[in-house]
């Protein structure tokens, strides 16, 4: 069972108290119903590795044979000599419910999408906390996580994540265009540093201020 944050589901659906756009009682009840539906089918899993981080120049890093040139990622990982790579998913059951709902009730399909996104974020946050506690015993800290496909990093990095983490072991595969299956899956870099950094949740490390997953 995942303890979802309903305000985050509202945010994914476009609701906002600040903008005075809030769900009706009917929609709120439908959200509760969709949460219960998803709790029955999710299978949260994750995999991670702690690896040495090599700097080839001020904007290019190398991790276990993967080379990345990205100003945003380099900014995020500044000062780090190690990094965690991780993959997480809540399983294929969510995708099946979404496809079924798209044929019968689009409102439920949209809510399944939003709730699934929140659920996989919760799985990532839980793993993030586990890794934070692990490195804190060494007097170290974590940078905010940073996912492939954001901040100028190519989505093709998913192939390196697949190679390094063997993500098929938790049921994650890639399409020809490097999209992950199940769709509610996340991969990310998390830098390890000896300096305390501002805490951000979600994949909030890139420079895209309008990213829907950005939460400070």
Protein backbone atom coordinates (compact mmCIF):
# COMPACT_ATOMS: atom_id res chain seq x y z
CA UNK A 1 0.00 0.00 0.00
CA UNK A 2 1.34 3.40 -1.00
CA UNK A 3 0.32 6.47 0.99
CA UNK A 4 -0.45 8.83 -1.87
CA UNK A 5 -0.67 12.60 -1.50
CA UNK A 6 -4.00 13.65 -2.97
CA UNK A 7 -2.86 17.23 -3.41
CA UNK A 8 -0.21 15.92 -5.81
CA UNK A 9 -2.85 14.02 -7.80
CA UNK A 10 -4.84 17.26 -7.98
CA UNK A 11 -1.72 19.03 -9.26
CA UNK A 12 -1.12 16.43 -11.99
CA UNK A 13 -4.75 16.83 -13.04
CA UNK A 14 -4.37 20.61 -13.26
CA UNK A 15 -6.30 21.59 -10.14
CA UNK A 16 -4.96 24.45 -8.02
CA UNK A 17 -6.33 26.34 -5.02
CA UNK A 18 -4.12 29.26 -5.99
CA UNK A 19 -5.82 29.40 -9.39
CA UNK A 20 -9.19 28.69 -7.74
CA UNK A 21 -9.65 25.55 -9.84
CA UNK A 22 -10.63 22.71 -7.53
CA UNK A 23 -12.19 19.27 -8.09
CA UNK A 24 -15.92 18.77 -7.56
CA UNK A 25 -17.18 16.32 -4.96
CA UNK A 26 -17.97 13.90 -7.79
CA UNK A 27 -14.41 14.08 -9.16
CA UNK A 28 -12.96 13.78 -5.67
CA UNK A 29 -14.98 10.60 -5.09
CA UNK A 30 -13.79 9.26 -8.45
CA UNK A 31 -10.18 9.97 -7.44
CA UNK A 32 -10.68 7.96 -4.24
CA UNK A 33 -12.13 5.11 -6.29
CA UNK A 34 -9.19 5.16 -8.71
CA UNK A 35 -6.69 5.17 -5.84
CA UNK A 36 -8.31 2.02 -4.45
CA UNK A 37 -8.28 0.40 -7.91
CA UNK A 38 -4.56 1.06 -8.35
CA UNK A 39 -3.62 -0.07 -4.85
CA UNK A 40 -4.87 -3.53 -5.86
CA UNK A 41 -2.69 -3.86 -8.96
CA UNK A 42 0.59 -2.03 -8.26
CA UNK A 43 3.81 -4.00 -7.77
CA UNK A 44 6.44 -1.47 -6.60
CA UNK A 45 10.04 -2.49 -7.30
CA UNK A 46 13.38 -0.72 -7.56
CA UNK A 47 17.04 -1.35 -8.33
CA UNK A 48 20.09 0.86 -7.80
CA UNK A 49 23.89 0.95 -7.91
CA UNK A 50 26.46 3.22 -6.28
CA UNK A 51 29.15 4.08 -8.82
CA UNK A 52 32.25 6.20 -9.30
CA UNK A 53 31.66 9.46 -11.16
CA UNK A 54 34.42 10.63 -13.51
CA UNK A 55 34.65 14.20 -14.83
CA UNK A 56 35.94 14.39 -18.43
CA UNK A 57 35.45 18.17 -18.59
CA UNK A 58 33.29 20.76 -16.82
CA UNK A 59 30.12 19.60 -18.60
CA UNK A 60 30.86 15.93 -19.34
CA UNK A 61 30.66 13.02 -16.93
CA UNK A 62 31.38 9.31 -17.27
CA UNK A 63 29.73 6.61 -15.17
CA UNK A 64 30.37 2.92 -15.80
CA UNK A 65 31.01 3.49 -19.52
CA UNK A 66 28.15 5.98 -19.95
CA UNK A 67 29.26 9.44 -21.09
CA UNK A 68 26.93 12.43 -20.78
CA UNK A 69 27.49 16.04 -21.79
CA UNK A 70 24.89 18.28 -20.19
CA UNK A 71 25.23 21.69 -18.55
CA UNK A 72 22.21 21.03 -16.33
CA UNK A 73 23.33 17.58 -15.20
CA UNK A 74 26.87 18.84 -14.59
CA UNK A 75 25.45 21.68 -12.48
CA UNK A 76 23.39 19.19 -10.50
CA UNK A 77 26.34 16.86 -9.88
CA UNK A 78 28.92 19.58 -9.20
CA UNK A 79 31.30 18.51 -6.43
CA UNK A 80 30.31 14.83 -6.63
CA UNK A 81 32.76 11.96 -7.12
CA UNK A 82 30.14 9.22 -6.72
CA UNK A 83 26.60 8.81 -7.93
CA UNK A 84 23.64 6.47 -7.48
CA UNK A 85 21.83 5.26 -10.59
CA UNK A 86 18.39 3.89 -9.91
CA UNK A 87 15.30 2.57 -11.60
CA UNK A 88 11.85 2.21 -10.05
CA UNK A 89 8.41 1.09 -11.22
CA UNK A 90 4.94 0.33 -9.92
CA UNK A 91 4.34 -2.39 -12.49
CA UNK A 92 2.31 -3.05 -15.64
CA UNK A 93 -1.07 -3.26 -13.88
CA UNK A 94 -1.48 0.51 -14.04
CA UNK A 95 -1.04 0.55 -17.82
CA UNK A 96 -3.68 -2.14 -18.19
CA UNK A 97 -6.20 -0.18 -16.12
CA UNK A 98 -5.48 2.99 -18.11
CA UNK A 99 -6.02 1.24 -21.46
CA UNK A 100 -9.25 -0.32 -20.25
CA UNK A 101 -10.54 3.03 -18.97
CA UNK A 102 -9.67 4.77 -22.25
CA UNK A 103 -12.31 2.56 -23.89
CA UNK A 104 -15.00 3.17 -21.28
CA UNK A 105 -14.45 6.32 -19.21
CA UNK A 106 -11.78 8.85 -20.14
CA UNK A 107 -12.12 10.66 -16.81
CA UNK A 108 -10.93 7.53 -15.01
CA UNK A 109 -8.10 7.09 -17.51
CA UNK A 110 -6.85 10.61 -16.73
CA UNK A 111 -7.08 9.99 -12.99
CA UNK A 112 -5.27 6.65 -13.31
CA UNK A 113 -2.50 8.48 -15.18
CA UNK A 114 -2.20 11.15 -12.50
CA UNK A 115 -2.44 8.72 -9.59
CA UNK A 116 0.09 6.36 -11.18
CA UNK A 117 2.52 9.27 -11.59
CA UNK A 118 2.12 10.17 -7.91
CA UNK A 119 2.53 6.54 -6.83
CA UNK A 120 5.80 6.04 -8.66
CA UNK A 121 7.05 9.35 -7.21
CA UNK A 122 6.26 7.99 -3.75
CA UNK A 123 8.30 4.86 -4.51
CA UNK A 124 11.19 7.08 -5.68
CA UNK A 125 10.93 9.25 -2.56
CA UNK A 126 11.05 6.16 -0.34
CA UNK A 127 14.15 4.87 -2.14
CA UNK A 128 15.67 8.35 -1.97
CA UNK A 129 15.25 8.36 1.80
CA UNK A 130 16.80 4.90 2.09
CA UNK A 131 19.85 6.06 0.13
CA UNK A 132 20.04 9.30 2.12
CA UNK A 133 20.20 7.32 5.36
CA UNK A 134 22.82 5.02 3.86
CA UNK A 135 25.23 7.82 2.94
CA UNK A 136 24.50 9.89 6.07
CA UNK A 137 26.31 7.22 8.08
CA UNK A 138 29.43 8.27 6.16
CA UNK A 139 28.83 11.98 6.74
CA UNK A 140 27.68 12.41 3.14
CA UNK A 141 24.62 13.94 1.50
CA UNK A 142 22.55 13.49 -1.67
CA UNK A 143 21.89 15.88 -4.51
CA UNK A 144 18.33 16.10 -5.90
CA UNK A 145 17.62 13.32 -8.37
CA UNK A 146 17.89 14.03 -12.08
CA UNK A 147 16.19 11.91 -14.75
CA UNK A 148 17.31 11.20 -18.35
CA UNK A 149 15.38 13.25 -20.90
CA UNK A 150 15.46 16.47 -18.86
CA UNK A 151 17.82 19.42 -18.80
CA UNK A 152 19.34 18.66 -22.18
CA UNK A 153 20.13 15.01 -21.44
CA UNK A 154 19.07 12.51 -24.15
CA UNK A 155 16.41 9.91 -23.50
CA UNK A 156 18.76 7.38 -25.12
CA UNK A 157 20.60 7.29 -21.77
CA UNK A 158 17.89 4.83 -20.77
CA UNK A 159 19.82 2.18 -22.71
CA UNK A 160 22.82 2.74 -20.45
CA UNK A 161 20.61 2.56 -17.38
CA UNK A 162 19.19 -0.70 -18.72
CA UNK A 163 22.72 -2.07 -19.27
CA UNK A 164 24.14 -0.94 -15.93
CA UNK A 165 21.16 -1.72 -13.70
CA UNK A 166 19.76 -4.73 -15.59
CA UNK A 167 16.31 -3.20 -15.18
CA UNK A 168 14.59 -6.20 -16.72
CA UNK A 169 15.10 -7.80 -13.30
CA UNK A 170 12.33 -5.53 -11.98
CA UNK A 171 10.22 -5.76 -15.13
CA UNK A 172 11.31 -2.56 -16.91
CA UNK A 173 11.97 -2.80 -20.65
CA UNK A 174 12.53 -0.14 -23.33
CA UNK A 175 10.72 0.56 -26.57
CA UNK A 176 12.62 1.38 -29.77
CA UNK A 177 12.30 5.07 -28.82
CA UNK A 178 13.67 4.46 -25.30
CA UNK A 179 10.34 4.90 -23.52
CA UNK A 180 10.02 2.68 -20.48
CA UNK A 181 7.48 -0.10 -20.10
CA UNK A 182 5.68 -0.07 -17.67
CA UNK A 183 4.99 3.61 -18.32
CA UNK A 184 4.93 4.45 -14.59
CA UNK A 185 8.65 3.89 -14.20
CA UNK A 186 11.47 6.30 -13.35
CA UNK A 187 15.24 6.30 -13.73
CA UNK A 188 17.55 8.89 -12.22
CA UNK A 189 21.00 10.01 -11.20
CA UNK A 190 21.49 10.99 -7.55
CA UNK A 191 24.81 12.65 -6.80
CA UNK A 192 26.65 11.92 -3.55
CA UNK A 193 28.38 14.90 -1.97
CA UNK A 194 30.17 15.90 1.21
CA UNK A 195 28.27 19.22 1.28
CA UNK A 196 24.70 19.61 2.47
CA UNK A 197 22.42 20.76 -0.33
CA UNK A 198 18.96 22.23 -0.58
CA UNK A 199 16.41 19.43 -0.45
CA UNK A 200 14.11 19.08 -3.44
CA UNK A 201 11.63 16.28 -4.03
CA UNK A 202 10.75 14.75 -7.35
CA UNK A 203 13.00 14.99 -10.41
CA UNK A 204 13.46 18.64 -9.54
CA UNK A 205 17.09 18.98 -10.36
CA UNK A 206 17.04 20.29 -13.90
CA UNK A 207 16.62 23.88 -15.08
CA UNK A 208 13.14 23.35 -16.53
CA UNK A 209 11.06 25.50 -14.21
CA UNK A 210 7.80 24.51 -15.93
CA UNK A 211 8.40 20.74 -15.66
CA UNK A 212 5.16 19.12 -14.34
CA UNK A 213 7.18 16.97 -11.96
CA UNK A 214 9.02 19.90 -10.38
CA UNK A 215 8.17 20.30 -6.69
CA UNK A 216 10.10 22.46 -4.25
